[in-house]
Protein backbone atom coordinates (compact mmCIF):
# COMPACT_ATOMS: atom_id res chain seq x y z
CA MET A 1 0.89 15.57 21.69
CA SER A 2 0.61 12.60 19.34
CA ARG A 3 1.88 9.31 20.76
CA ILE A 4 3.01 8.14 17.33
CA GLY A 5 4.42 11.56 16.41
CA LYS A 6 6.66 11.64 19.50
CA LEU A 7 8.53 8.49 18.43
CA PRO A 8 11.66 9.12 16.34
CA VAL A 9 12.17 7.30 13.03
CA ILE A 10 15.49 5.44 13.18
CA ILE A 11 17.42 5.64 9.90
CA PRO A 12 18.82 2.19 8.98
CA ALA A 13 22.18 1.69 7.26
CA GLY A 14 22.09 2.41 3.53
CA VAL A 15 19.25 4.94 3.78
CA THR A 16 19.70 8.69 3.39
CA ILE A 17 17.03 11.22 4.30
CA THR A 18 17.19 14.85 3.21
CA VAL A 19 14.79 17.63 4.14
CA ASP A 20 14.72 20.64 1.82
CA SER A 21 12.19 23.27 0.69
CA GLY A 22 9.13 21.55 2.11
CA ASP A 23 9.96 18.03 0.92
CA VAL A 24 11.40 14.89 2.52
CA VAL A 25 13.43 12.68 0.17
CA VAL A 26 14.22 9.13 1.31
CA LYS A 27 16.79 7.16 -0.73
CA GLY A 28 17.54 3.51 -0.09
CA PRO A 29 18.57 0.27 -1.75
CA LYS A 30 15.16 -0.28 -3.43
CA GLY A 31 14.65 3.27 -4.72
CA GLU A 32 13.75 6.83 -3.84
CA LEU A 33 10.54 8.34 -2.41
CA LYS A 34 9.56 11.99 -2.01
CA GLN A 35 6.89 13.41 0.29
CA PHE A 36 5.55 16.95 0.75
CA ILE A 37 5.80 18.25 4.34
CA THR A 38 2.72 20.02 5.65
CA PRO A 39 3.47 23.58 6.83
CA ALA A 40 2.07 22.83 10.31
CA VAL A 41 5.01 20.57 11.29
CA GLU A 42 8.79 20.67 11.07
CA VAL A 43 11.01 17.68 10.31
CA LYS A 44 14.60 17.41 11.58
CA VAL A 45 17.28 14.83 10.76
CA GLU A 46 19.68 14.46 13.70
CA ASP A 47 22.24 11.76 14.63
CA GLY A 48 20.72 8.80 12.81
CA GLN A 49 17.05 9.54 13.39
CA VAL A 50 14.24 11.74 12.11
CA THR A 51 12.01 13.68 14.49
CA VAL A 52 8.76 15.46 13.70
CA HIS A 53 7.56 18.40 15.82
CA PRO A 54 4.38 20.48 15.53
CA LYS A 55 5.05 24.20 15.00
CA ASP A 56 2.27 25.22 17.41
CA GLU A 57 -0.56 23.65 19.43
CA SER A 58 -3.33 24.18 16.86
CA LYS A 59 -5.67 21.33 15.98
CA VAL A 60 -4.23 21.10 12.45
CA ALA A 61 -0.64 20.89 13.72
CA ARG A 62 -1.53 18.20 16.26
CA SER A 63 -3.36 16.11 13.65
CA GLN A 64 -0.55 16.44 11.08
CA HIS A 65 2.14 15.57 13.65
CA GLY A 66 1.51 11.81 13.80
CA LEU A 67 0.59 11.66 10.11
CA MET A 68 3.94 13.04 8.93
CA ARG A 69 5.88 10.73 11.25
CA ALA A 70 3.93 7.70 9.96
CA LEU A 71 4.45 8.72 6.31
CA ILE A 72 8.21 9.10 6.82
CA ASN A 73 8.38 5.75 8.63
CA ASN A 74 6.44 4.08 5.77
CA MET A 75 8.88 5.59 3.26
CA VAL A 76 11.89 4.24 5.20
CA ILE A 77 10.32 0.75 5.34
CA GLY A 78 9.45 0.98 1.64
CA VAL A 79 12.98 1.77 0.44
CA THR A 80 14.51 -0.96 2.65
CA LYS A 81 12.02 -3.88 2.61
CA GLY A 82 9.25 -2.84 0.22
CA TYR A 83 5.54 -3.58 0.48
CA GLU A 84 3.49 -6.49 -0.83
CA LYS A 85 -0.22 -7.31 -1.02
CA ARG A 86 -1.50 -10.73 -2.00
CA LEU A 87 -4.88 -11.33 -3.61
CA GLU A 88 -6.58 -14.68 -4.13
CA VAL A 89 -8.87 -15.47 -7.08
CA ASN A 90 -11.66 -17.98 -6.31
CA GLY A 91 -14.20 -19.30 -8.79
CA VAL A 92 -14.87 -22.02 -11.32
CA GLY A 93 -13.44 -21.02 -14.70
CA PHE A 94 -11.59 -18.01 -13.29
CA ARG A 95 -8.01 -17.70 -14.61
CA VAL A 96 -5.12 -15.28 -14.12
CA GLY A 97 -2.11 -14.67 -16.33
CA SER A 98 0.55 -11.96 -16.18
CA SER A 99 3.18 -10.58 -18.54
CA ASN A 100 5.01 -7.24 -18.79
CA ASN A 101 3.45 -5.96 -15.53
CA GLU A 102 -0.05 -6.53 -16.94
CA LEU A 103 -2.70 -8.96 -15.71
CA GLU A 104 -5.11 -10.75 -18.00
CA MET A 105 -7.96 -12.39 -16.11
CA ALA A 106 -11.01 -14.47 -16.94
CA LEU A 107 -13.49 -13.49 -14.23
CA GLY A 108 -16.78 -14.84 -15.53
CA PHE A 109 -17.50 -11.94 -17.87
CA SER A 110 -18.00 -12.34 -21.63
CA HIS A 111 -14.58 -10.75 -22.20
CA PRO A 112 -11.14 -11.06 -20.62
CA VAL A 113 -10.31 -8.34 -18.09
CA LYS A 114 -6.93 -6.62 -18.50
CA TYR A 115 -5.24 -4.54 -15.82
CA LYS A 116 -2.01 -2.58 -16.46
CA ALA A 117 -0.11 -1.71 -13.28
CA PRO A 118 1.16 1.88 -12.93
CA GLU A 119 4.85 2.81 -12.82
CA GLY A 120 6.53 1.83 -9.55
CA VAL A 121 4.29 -1.19 -8.85
CA THR A 122 4.92 -4.73 -10.06
CA VAL A 123 2.09 -7.21 -10.53
CA THR A 124 2.76 -10.93 -10.87
CA ASN A 125 0.80 -14.11 -10.30
CA GLU A 126 1.51 -17.49 -8.76
CA LYS A 127 -1.31 -19.70 -10.10
CA MET A 128 -4.45 -18.11 -8.55
CA ILE A 129 -2.60 -15.70 -6.22
CA ILE A 130 -1.92 -12.16 -7.49
CA VAL A 131 1.11 -10.46 -5.88
CA VAL A 132 1.23 -6.64 -5.91
CA SER A 133 4.57 -5.21 -4.73
CA GLY A 134 6.39 -1.89 -4.68
CA ILE A 135 8.11 0.66 -2.43
CA ASN A 136 5.20 3.10 -1.99
CA LYS A 137 2.70 1.76 0.57
CA GLN A 138 -0.17 3.93 -0.62
CA GLN A 139 0.33 3.01 -4.28
CA VAL A 140 0.57 -0.74 -3.55
CA GLY A 141 -2.64 -0.62 -1.50
CA GLN A 142 -4.44 1.39 -4.19
CA VAL A 143 -3.49 -1.03 -6.98
CA ALA A 144 -4.55 -4.02 -4.85
CA ALA A 145 -7.91 -2.33 -4.13
CA GLU A 146 -8.44 -1.60 -7.85
CA ILE A 147 -7.74 -5.22 -8.77
CA ARG A 148 -10.09 -6.46 -6.03
CA ALA A 149 -12.81 -4.09 -7.28
CA LEU A 150 -12.79 -5.82 -10.70
CA LYS A 151 -14.70 -8.76 -9.17
CA LYS A 152 -15.49 -8.41 -5.46
CA PRO A 153 -16.10 -11.66 -3.56
CA GLU A 154 -19.78 -12.51 -3.35
CA PRO A 155 -21.29 -13.65 -0.03
CA TYR A 156 -22.82 -17.00 -1.09
CA LYS A 157 -19.95 -19.02 -2.55
CA GLY A 158 -17.10 -16.55 -2.03
CA LYS A 159 -16.32 -16.31 -5.75
CA GLY A 160 -14.26 -13.29 -6.81
CA ILE A 161 -10.99 -11.59 -5.88
CA LYS A 162 -10.19 -11.22 -2.18
CA TYR A 163 -7.13 -10.44 -0.06
CA VAL A 164 -5.38 -13.62 1.11
CA ASP A 165 -5.98 -12.83 4.80
CA GLU A 166 -9.55 -11.49 4.28
CA GLN A 167 -12.54 -13.27 5.82
CA ILE A 168 -15.71 -13.30 3.70
CA LEU A 169 -18.98 -13.30 5.64
CA ARG A 170 -21.08 -16.07 4.12
CA LYS A 171 -24.84 -16.01 3.79
CA ALA A 172 -26.98 -19.14 4.14
CA GLY A 173 -28.85 -18.87 0.81
CA LYS A 174 -32.22 -20.42 0.07
CA THR A 175 -33.42 -23.48 1.96
CA GLY A 176 -36.00 -25.70 0.26
CA LYS A 177 -38.78 -27.68 1.99
């Protein structure tokens, strides 16, 4: 049995969780999230906590057990606290500006790069730091990865877009005689 799947998800105050027709709906102060339940597991809401149980001992049910518990826990955290990823832009002449949930960046190309954030995710900037925030963990991570992919950090000077806590492996470069 999954170690993570065995743990119950405690429902904090102000959050309601409903399970109906193969979906889990989590409503909280920051919004509402909906997740499809795989048919291999069953989800129960009892006295202030959510438990996930596999329907049988098949490999699929055991693998989905911990996954569904983690997804529900991420949804509860998302509607109460929210998620945030921070990206740092390094490079001479690189600039970042944001307005109306859209980034406009100068990343060393011959043209400015524009990125429009999808619904449910907000993108702002604080000088050279891009802040991606929202209630859906997967969506926030995906948007941050797409922004990083616009100009990945290069290994010689570290120029590009990187996560704030990311370590870039540096290469030595050429050495002259």
